[in-house]
Amino acid sequence: MLKKLALPAIALILVVFAGIMTVNNPPSFLYGKLPFQSLSKQSVVILIKDSPHPITKLTVEDGYTWYGAKADQGKEIDSLLSAMKKNGWSFIQQEGAGYFFEQGSEKIVITSQTWSNRHVFFKVPVTNPPITLSSN
């Protein structure tokens, strides 16, 4: 009788443990595809998680700088708007995932992309001088 209960009990414990680990710190293979090639999913998660800044520079590819932020009930958007204001850009409007800014006669669009329920990416066009959303 005891042997019959041991295997299901161990299986239940393993399932509960795996569920807790997945919710608290999901393995990188559970995340969606990255919109850029130069970093691994695990690297992106670590960069964002360990960053002391609300927005973290991830990579530069194909004329865009990619930044990541922890998804936090819209606070990441507030951080974006604040960083752009510090760079001298005025917020014009939002259309969907696009945030429109202007500085003098120059206009740019920064797009946001939710990567998981914990992470948001910002796709920023490379400009001269460059736009910096984080201190790193």
N, C-alpha and C. Protein backbone atom coordinates (compact mmCIF):
# COMPACT_ATOMS: atom_id res chain seq x y z
N MET A 1 0.83 -1.20 0.00
CA MET A 1 0.00 0.00 0.00
C MET A 1 0.87 1.25 0.00
N LEU A 2 1.90 1.26 0.83
CA LEU A 2 2.78 2.42 0.92
C LEU A 2 3.53 2.65 -0.38
N LYS A 3 3.95 1.57 -1.06
CA LYS A 3 4.66 1.69 -2.34
C LYS A 3 3.74 2.27 -3.41
N LYS A 4 2.45 1.93 -3.37
CA LYS A 4 1.50 2.44 -4.35
C LYS A 4 1.30 3.95 -4.21
N LEU A 5 1.41 4.47 -3.02
CA LEU A 5 1.23 5.89 -2.77
C LEU A 5 2.51 6.70 -2.98
N ALA A 6 3.65 6.07 -2.88
CA ALA A 6 4.92 6.79 -2.96
C ALA A 6 5.13 7.43 -4.33
N LEU A 7 4.91 6.69 -5.40
CA LEU A 7 5.14 7.22 -6.75
C LEU A 7 4.21 8.40 -7.07
N PRO A 8 2.91 8.29 -6.84
CA PRO A 8 2.04 9.45 -7.09
C PRO A 8 2.39 10.65 -6.20
N ALA A 9 2.79 10.39 -4.97
CA ALA A 9 3.16 11.48 -4.06
C ALA A 9 4.40 12.21 -4.57
N ILE A 10 5.40 11.47 -5.02
CA ILE A 10 6.62 12.07 -5.56
C ILE A 10 6.29 12.85 -6.83
N ALA A 11 5.46 12.27 -7.69
CA ALA A 11 5.07 12.96 -8.93
C ALA A 11 4.34 14.26 -8.61
N LEU A 12 3.46 14.25 -7.66
CA LEU A 12 2.72 15.45 -7.26
C LEU A 12 3.67 16.52 -6.72
N ILE A 13 4.61 16.12 -5.90
CA ILE A 13 5.59 17.06 -5.35
C ILE A 13 6.41 17.68 -6.48
N LEU A 14 6.84 16.89 -7.44
CA LEU A 14 7.61 17.40 -8.57
C LEU A 14 6.79 18.37 -9.42
N VAL A 15 5.53 18.06 -9.66
CA VAL A 15 4.66 18.94 -10.45
C VAL A 15 4.46 20.27 -9.73
N VAL A 16 4.21 20.23 -8.44
CA VAL A 16 4.02 21.46 -7.66
C VAL A 16 5.31 22.28 -7.66
N PHE A 17 6.45 21.64 -7.45
CA PHE A 17 7.73 22.33 -7.46
C PHE A 17 8.00 22.97 -8.82
N ALA A 18 7.76 22.23 -9.90
CA ALA A 18 7.98 22.77 -11.25
C ALA A 18 7.04 23.96 -11.51
N GLY A 19 5.82 23.87 -11.05
CA GLY A 19 4.87 24.97 -11.21
C GLY A 19 5.31 26.22 -10.47
N ILE A 20 5.79 26.06 -9.27
CA ILE A 20 6.27 27.20 -8.49
C ILE A 20 7.48 27.83 -9.16
N MET A 21 8.41 27.02 -9.64
CA MET A 21 9.60 27.54 -10.31
C MET A 21 9.23 28.27 -11.60
N THR A 22 8.28 27.74 -12.33
CA THR A 22 7.86 28.35 -13.59
C THR A 22 7.20 29.70 -13.36
N VAL A 23 6.41 29.81 -12.33
CA VAL A 23 5.72 31.07 -12.04
C VAL A 23 6.71 32.11 -11.52
N ASN A 24 7.60 31.73 -10.63
CA ASN A 24 8.53 32.68 -10.02
C ASN A 24 9.69 33.06 -10.92
N ASN A 25 10.22 32.14 -11.68
CA ASN A 25 11.36 32.42 -12.55
C ASN A 25 11.30 31.46 -13.73
N PRO A 26 10.46 31.77 -14.72
CA PRO A 26 10.27 30.83 -15.83
C PRO A 26 11.56 30.59 -16.59
N PRO A 27 11.79 29.35 -17.02
CA PRO A 27 12.96 29.08 -17.85
C PRO A 27 12.86 29.82 -19.18
N SER A 28 14.00 30.16 -19.75
CA SER A 28 14.01 31.01 -20.94
C SER A 28 13.30 30.38 -22.14
N PHE A 29 13.23 29.06 -22.22
CA PHE A 29 12.56 28.44 -23.36
C PHE A 29 11.05 28.70 -23.36
N LEU A 30 10.51 29.17 -22.26
CA LEU A 30 9.07 29.49 -22.21
C LEU A 30 8.76 30.87 -22.77
N TYR A 31 9.78 31.70 -23.01
CA TYR A 31 9.57 33.02 -23.57
C TYR A 31 9.41 32.93 -25.09
N GLY A 32 8.74 33.92 -25.65
CA GLY A 32 8.53 33.98 -27.09
C GLY A 32 9.81 34.29 -27.84
N LYS A 33 9.69 34.31 -29.16
CA LYS A 33 10.84 34.60 -30.03
C LYS A 33 11.26 36.06 -29.84
N LEU A 34 12.58 36.27 -29.85
CA LEU A 34 13.11 37.63 -29.74
C LEU A 34 13.02 38.34 -31.09
N PRO A 35 12.79 39.65 -31.09
CA PRO A 35 12.72 40.41 -32.34
C PRO A 35 14.10 40.81 -32.87
N PHE A 36 15.15 40.35 -32.24
CA PHE A 36 16.52 40.62 -32.66
C PHE A 36 17.34 39.35 -32.49
N GLN A 37 18.50 39.28 -33.17
CA GLN A 37 19.28 38.05 -33.23
C GLN A 37 20.51 38.01 -32.33
N SER A 38 21.01 39.15 -31.91
CA SER A 38 22.33 39.20 -31.30
C SER A 38 22.40 38.77 -29.84
N LEU A 39 21.28 38.54 -29.19
CA LEU A 39 21.27 38.10 -27.80
C LEU A 39 20.40 36.87 -27.65
N SER A 40 20.71 36.07 -26.65
CA SER A 40 19.88 34.91 -26.33
C SER A 40 18.76 35.35 -25.38
N LYS A 41 17.73 34.53 -25.29
CA LYS A 41 16.62 34.82 -24.39
C LYS A 41 17.12 34.92 -22.95
N GLN A 42 17.99 34.00 -22.58
CA GLN A 42 18.52 33.98 -21.22
C GLN A 42 19.29 35.27 -20.92
N SER A 43 20.09 35.74 -21.88
CA SER A 43 20.85 36.98 -21.70
C SER A 43 19.92 38.17 -21.51
N VAL A 44 18.87 38.22 -22.29
CA VAL A 44 17.91 39.33 -22.20
C VAL A 44 17.25 39.34 -20.82
N VAL A 45 16.81 38.19 -20.36
CA VAL A 45 16.15 38.10 -19.06
C VAL A 45 17.11 38.56 -17.96
N ILE A 46 18.35 38.13 -18.02
CA ILE A 46 19.34 38.50 -17.00
C ILE A 46 19.64 39.99 -17.06
N LEU A 47 19.83 40.54 -18.27
CA LEU A 47 20.12 41.96 -18.40
C LEU A 47 19.02 42.82 -17.78
N ILE A 48 17.78 42.49 -18.09
CA ILE A 48 16.66 43.28 -17.58
C ILE A 48 16.50 43.08 -16.08
N LYS A 49 16.59 41.83 -15.65
CA LYS A 49 16.39 41.51 -14.23
C LYS A 49 17.45 42.16 -13.35
N ASP A 50 18.70 42.14 -13.79
CA ASP A 50 19.80 42.63 -12.96
C ASP A 50 20.08 44.13 -13.10
N SER A 51 19.38 44.79 -14.01
CA SER A 51 19.65 46.21 -14.25
C SER A 51 19.11 47.07 -13.11
N PRO A 52 19.91 48.04 -12.67
CA PRO A 52 19.41 48.97 -11.66
C PRO A 52 18.54 50.08 -12.27
N HIS A 53 18.46 50.11 -13.60
CA HIS A 53 17.71 51.14 -14.31
C HIS A 53 16.35 50.63 -14.75
N PRO A 54 15.36 51.52 -14.86
CA PRO A 54 14.03 51.07 -15.30
C PRO A 54 14.04 50.58 -16.75
N ILE A 55 14.91 51.16 -17.58
CA ILE A 55 15.03 50.75 -18.98
C ILE A 55 16.49 50.41 -19.24
N THR A 56 16.72 49.27 -19.90
CA THR A 56 18.07 48.77 -20.11
C THR A 56 18.36 48.59 -21.60
N LYS A 57 19.50 49.10 -22.04
CA LYS A 57 19.91 48.91 -23.42
C LYS A 57 20.29 47.44 -23.62
N LEU A 58 19.72 46.85 -24.68
CA LEU A 58 19.97 45.44 -24.96
C LEU A 58 20.93 45.25 -26.13
N THR A 59 20.61 45.85 -27.28
CA THR A 59 21.43 45.64 -28.47
C THR A 59 21.11 46.70 -29.52
N VAL A 60 21.96 46.78 -30.51
CA VAL A 60 21.73 47.64 -31.68
C VAL A 60 21.77 46.73 -32.90
N GLU A 61 20.70 46.75 -33.69
CA GLU A 61 20.62 45.93 -34.89
C GLU A 61 19.79 46.64 -35.95
N ASP A 62 20.26 46.56 -37.18
CA ASP A 62 19.51 47.03 -38.35
C ASP A 62 18.96 48.44 -38.21
N GLY A 63 19.76 49.34 -37.64
CA GLY A 63 19.34 50.74 -37.54
C GLY A 63 18.45 51.06 -36.35
N TYR A 64 18.33 50.13 -35.42
CA TYR A 64 17.50 50.35 -34.23
C TYR A 64 18.26 49.93 -32.98
N THR A 65 18.03 50.67 -31.92
CA THR A 65 18.54 50.29 -30.61
C THR A 65 17.37 49.66 -29.86
N TRP A 66 17.60 48.49 -29.31
CA TRP A 66 16.57 47.78 -28.56
C TRP A 66 16.83 47.95 -27.07
N TYR A 67 15.78 48.35 -26.36
CA TYR A 67 15.83 48.49 -24.91
C TYR A 67 14.81 47.54 -24.30
N GLY A 68 15.06 47.13 -23.08
CA GLY A 68 14.12 46.26 -22.36
C GLY A 68 13.77 46.87 -21.02
N ALA A 69 12.58 46.53 -20.55
CA ALA A 69 12.12 47.02 -19.24
C ALA A 69 11.25 45.95 -18.60
N LYS A 70 11.21 46.00 -17.29
CA LYS A 70 10.30 45.12 -16.56
C LYS A 70 8.89 45.67 -16.75
N ALA A 71 7.96 44.81 -17.12
CA ALA A 71 6.57 45.23 -17.25
C ALA A 71 6.04 45.51 -15.85
N ASP A 72 5.52 46.71 -15.65
CA ASP A 72 5.10 47.10 -14.31
C ASP A 72 3.89 48.04 -14.38
N GLN A 73 2.78 47.54 -14.87
CA GLN A 73 1.52 48.27 -14.89
C GLN A 73 1.65 49.67 -15.51
N GLY A 74 2.39 49.78 -16.59
CA GLY A 74 2.52 51.05 -17.29
C GLY A 74 3.64 51.95 -16.83
N LYS A 75 4.33 51.59 -15.75
CA LYS A 75 5.44 52.42 -15.26
C LYS A 75 6.58 52.44 -16.26
N GLU A 76 6.72 51.37 -17.06
CA GLU A 76 7.79 51.34 -18.07
C GLU A 76 7.53 52.40 -19.14
N ILE A 77 6.27 52.68 -19.43
CA ILE A 77 5.94 53.74 -20.40
C ILE A 77 6.26 55.11 -19.81
N ASP A 78 5.96 55.29 -18.53
CA ASP A 78 6.32 56.54 -17.86
C ASP A 78 7.83 56.75 -17.90
N SER A 79 8.59 55.66 -17.72
CA SER A 79 10.05 55.75 -17.79
C SER A 79 10.50 56.15 -19.19
N LEU A 80 9.85 55.59 -20.22
CA LEU A 80 10.17 55.95 -21.60
C LEU A 80 9.92 57.44 -21.84
N LEU A 81 8.76 57.91 -21.46
CA LEU A 81 8.41 59.32 -21.67
C LEU A 81 9.36 60.25 -20.92
N SER A 82 9.72 59.88 -19.70
CA SER A 82 10.65 60.68 -18.91
C SER A 82 12.04 60.71 -19.54
N ALA A 83 12.53 59.56 -19.99
CA ALA A 83 13.85 59.49 -20.63
C ALA A 83 13.88 60.31 -21.91
N MET A 84 12.82 60.25 -22.69
CA MET A 84 12.78 61.03 -23.93
C MET A 84 12.75 62.53 -23.63
N LYS A 85 12.03 62.91 -22.60
CA LYS A 85 12.00 64.32 -22.21
C LYS A 85 13.39 64.79 -21.81
N LYS A 86 14.14 63.95 -21.07
CA LYS A 86 15.51 64.28 -20.69
C LYS A 86 16.41 64.41 -21.91
N ASN A 87 16.10 63.68 -22.99
CA ASN A 87 16.86 63.76 -24.23
C ASN A 87 16.43 64.95 -25.09
N GLY A 88 15.45 65.74 -24.63
CA GLY A 88 15.02 66.92 -25.36
C GLY A 88 13.90 66.67 -26.36
N TRP A 89 13.26 65.52 -26.29
CA TRP A 89 12.18 65.17 -27.21
C TRP A 89 10.84 65.44 -26.55
N SER A 90 9.90 65.95 -27.32
CA SER A 90 8.54 66.20 -26.83
C SER A 90 7.62 65.08 -27.31
N PHE A 91 6.83 64.57 -26.39
CA PHE A 91 5.85 63.53 -26.72
C PHE A 91 4.69 64.17 -27.47
N ILE A 92 4.34 63.57 -28.62
CA ILE A 92 3.23 64.09 -29.42
C ILE A 92 1.97 63.27 -29.15
N GLN A 93 2.06 61.97 -29.41
CA GLN A 93 0.88 61.12 -29.25
C GLN A 93 1.29 59.66 -29.27
N GLN A 94 0.33 58.83 -28.88
CA GLN A 94 0.50 57.38 -28.96
C GLN A 94 -0.55 56.84 -29.92
N GLU A 95 -0.11 55.96 -30.79
CA GLU A 95 -1.03 55.23 -31.67
C GLU A 95 -0.68 53.76 -31.57
N GLY A 96 -1.51 53.01 -30.89
CA GLY A 96 -1.22 51.60 -30.68
C GLY A 96 0.06 51.43 -29.89
N ALA A 97 1.02 50.70 -30.45
CA ALA A 97 2.30 50.47 -29.79
C ALA A 97 3.33 51.53 -30.16
N GLY A 98 2.93 52.52 -30.95
CA GLY A 98 3.86 53.56 -31.39
C GLY A 98 3.75 54.81 -30.55
N TYR A 99 4.91 55.32 -30.14
CA TYR A 99 4.98 56.56 -29.37
C TYR A 99 5.71 57.59 -30.24
N PHE A 100 5.03 58.68 -30.55
CA PHE A 100 5.53 59.68 -31.47
C PHE A 100 6.15 60.84 -30.70
N PHE A 101 7.37 61.22 -31.11
CA PHE A 101 8.10 62.30 -30.46
C PHE A 101 8.62 63.26 -31.52
N GLU A 102 8.87 64.50 -31.08
CA GLU A 102 9.49 65.48 -31.99
C GLU A 102 10.50 66.30 -31.21
N GLN A 103 11.50 66.75 -31.97
CA GLN A 103 12.53 67.64 -31.44
C GLN A 103 12.86 68.60 -32.58
N GLY A 104 12.40 69.84 -32.46
CA GLY A 104 12.54 70.78 -33.57
C GLY A 104 11.72 70.27 -34.75
N SER A 105 12.37 70.11 -35.91
CA SER A 105 11.66 69.62 -37.09
C SER A 105 11.77 68.10 -37.25
N GLU A 106 12.54 67.46 -36.39
CA GLU A 106 12.74 66.01 -36.48
C GLU A 106 11.67 65.27 -35.69
N LYS A 107 11.16 64.19 -36.28
CA LYS A 107 10.15 63.36 -35.63
C LYS A 107 10.60 61.91 -35.67
N ILE A 108 10.30 61.18 -34.60
CA ILE A 108 10.61 59.75 -34.56
C ILE A 108 9.44 59.00 -33.92
N VAL A 109 9.43 57.71 -34.18
CA VAL A 109 8.45 56.82 -33.57
C VAL A 109 9.21 55.72 -32.84
N ILE A 110 8.89 55.54 -31.58
CA ILE A 110 9.44 54.43 -30.79
C ILE A 110 8.30 53.45 -30.58
N THR A 111 8.55 52.20 -30.92
CA THR A 111 7.51 51.20 -30.75
C THR A 111 7.80 50.34 -29.54
N SER A 112 6.74 49.92 -28.89
CA SER A 112 6.88 49.03 -27.74
C SER A 112 6.34 47.66 -28.14
N GLN A 113 6.89 46.66 -27.52
CA GLN A 113 6.47 45.29 -27.81
C GLN A 113 6.51 44.51 -26.50
N THR A 114 5.40 43.95 -26.11
CA THR A 114 5.37 43.10 -24.93
C THR A 114 5.96 41.75 -25.31
N TRP A 115 7.01 41.38 -24.60
CA TRP A 115 7.67 40.11 -24.90
C TRP A 115 7.12 38.99 -24.03
N SER A 116 6.78 39.30 -22.81
CA SER A 116 6.15 38.36 -21.90
C SER A 116 5.34 39.19 -20.93
N ASN A 117 4.71 38.54 -20.01
CA ASN A 117 3.96 39.33 -19.02
C ASN A 117 4.90 40.05 -18.06
N ARG A 118 6.21 39.83 -18.21
CA ARG A 118 7.20 40.45 -17.32
C ARG A 118 8.13 41.43 -18.03
N HIS A 119 8.13 41.46 -19.37
CA HIS A 119 9.11 42.25 -20.10
C HIS A 119 8.49 43.00 -21.27
N VAL A 120 9.00 44.21 -21.49
CA VAL A 120 8.58 45.04 -22.61
C VAL A 120 9.84 45.50 -23.34
N PHE A 121 9.79 45.48 -24.66
CA PHE A 121 10.89 45.99 -25.47
C PHE A 121 10.51 47.32 -26.09
N PHE A 122 11.51 48.19 -26.26
CA PHE A 122 11.33 49.44 -26.98
C PHE A 122 12.30 49.44 -28.16
N LYS A 123 11.78 49.71 -29.34
CA LYS A 123 12.56 49.76 -30.58
C LYS A 123 12.75 51.22 -30.94
N VAL A 124 13.99 51.70 -30.79
CA VAL A 124 14.31 53.11 -30.95
C VAL A 124 15.18 53.29 -32.19
N PRO A 125 14.77 54.15 -33.13
CA PRO A 125 15.62 54.38 -34.30
C PRO A 125 16.96 54.99 -33.90
N VAL A 126 18.02 54.56 -34.56
CA VAL A 126 19.33 55.14 -34.31
C VAL A 126 19.34 56.55 -34.89
N THR A 127 19.70 57.53 -34.07
CA THR A 127 19.74 58.94 -34.50
C THR A 127 21.12 59.51 -34.23
N ASN A 128 21.35 60.70 -34.76
CA ASN A 128 22.60 61.39 -34.50
C ASN A 128 22.25 62.78 -33.99
N PRO A 129 22.49 63.11 -32.72
CA PRO A 129 23.13 62.29 -31.70
C PRO A 129 22.19 61.17 -31.24
N PRO A 130 22.78 60.10 -30.68
CA PRO A 130 21.96 58.96 -30.29
C PRO A 130 21.03 59.28 -29.11
N ILE A 131 19.91 58.62 -29.12
CA ILE A 131 18.95 58.71 -28.02
C ILE A 131 19.34 57.65 -26.99
N THR A 132 19.41 58.06 -25.73
CA THR A 132 19.76 57.12 -24.67
C THR A 132 18.60 57.07 -23.67
N LEU A 133 18.04 55.88 -23.49
CA LEU A 133 16.92 55.73 -22.57
C LEU A 133 17.36 55.25 -21.20
N SER A 134 18.60 54.80 -21.08
CA SER A 134 19.09 54.31 -19.80
C SER A 134 20.47 54.88 -19.54
N SER A 135 20.93 54.70 -18.33
CA SER A 135 22.24 55.23 -17.93
C SER A 135 23.36 54.23 -18.21
N ASN A 136 23.03 53.06 -18.79
CA ASN A 136 24.10 52.07 -19.03
C ASN A 136 24.53 52.06 -20.46
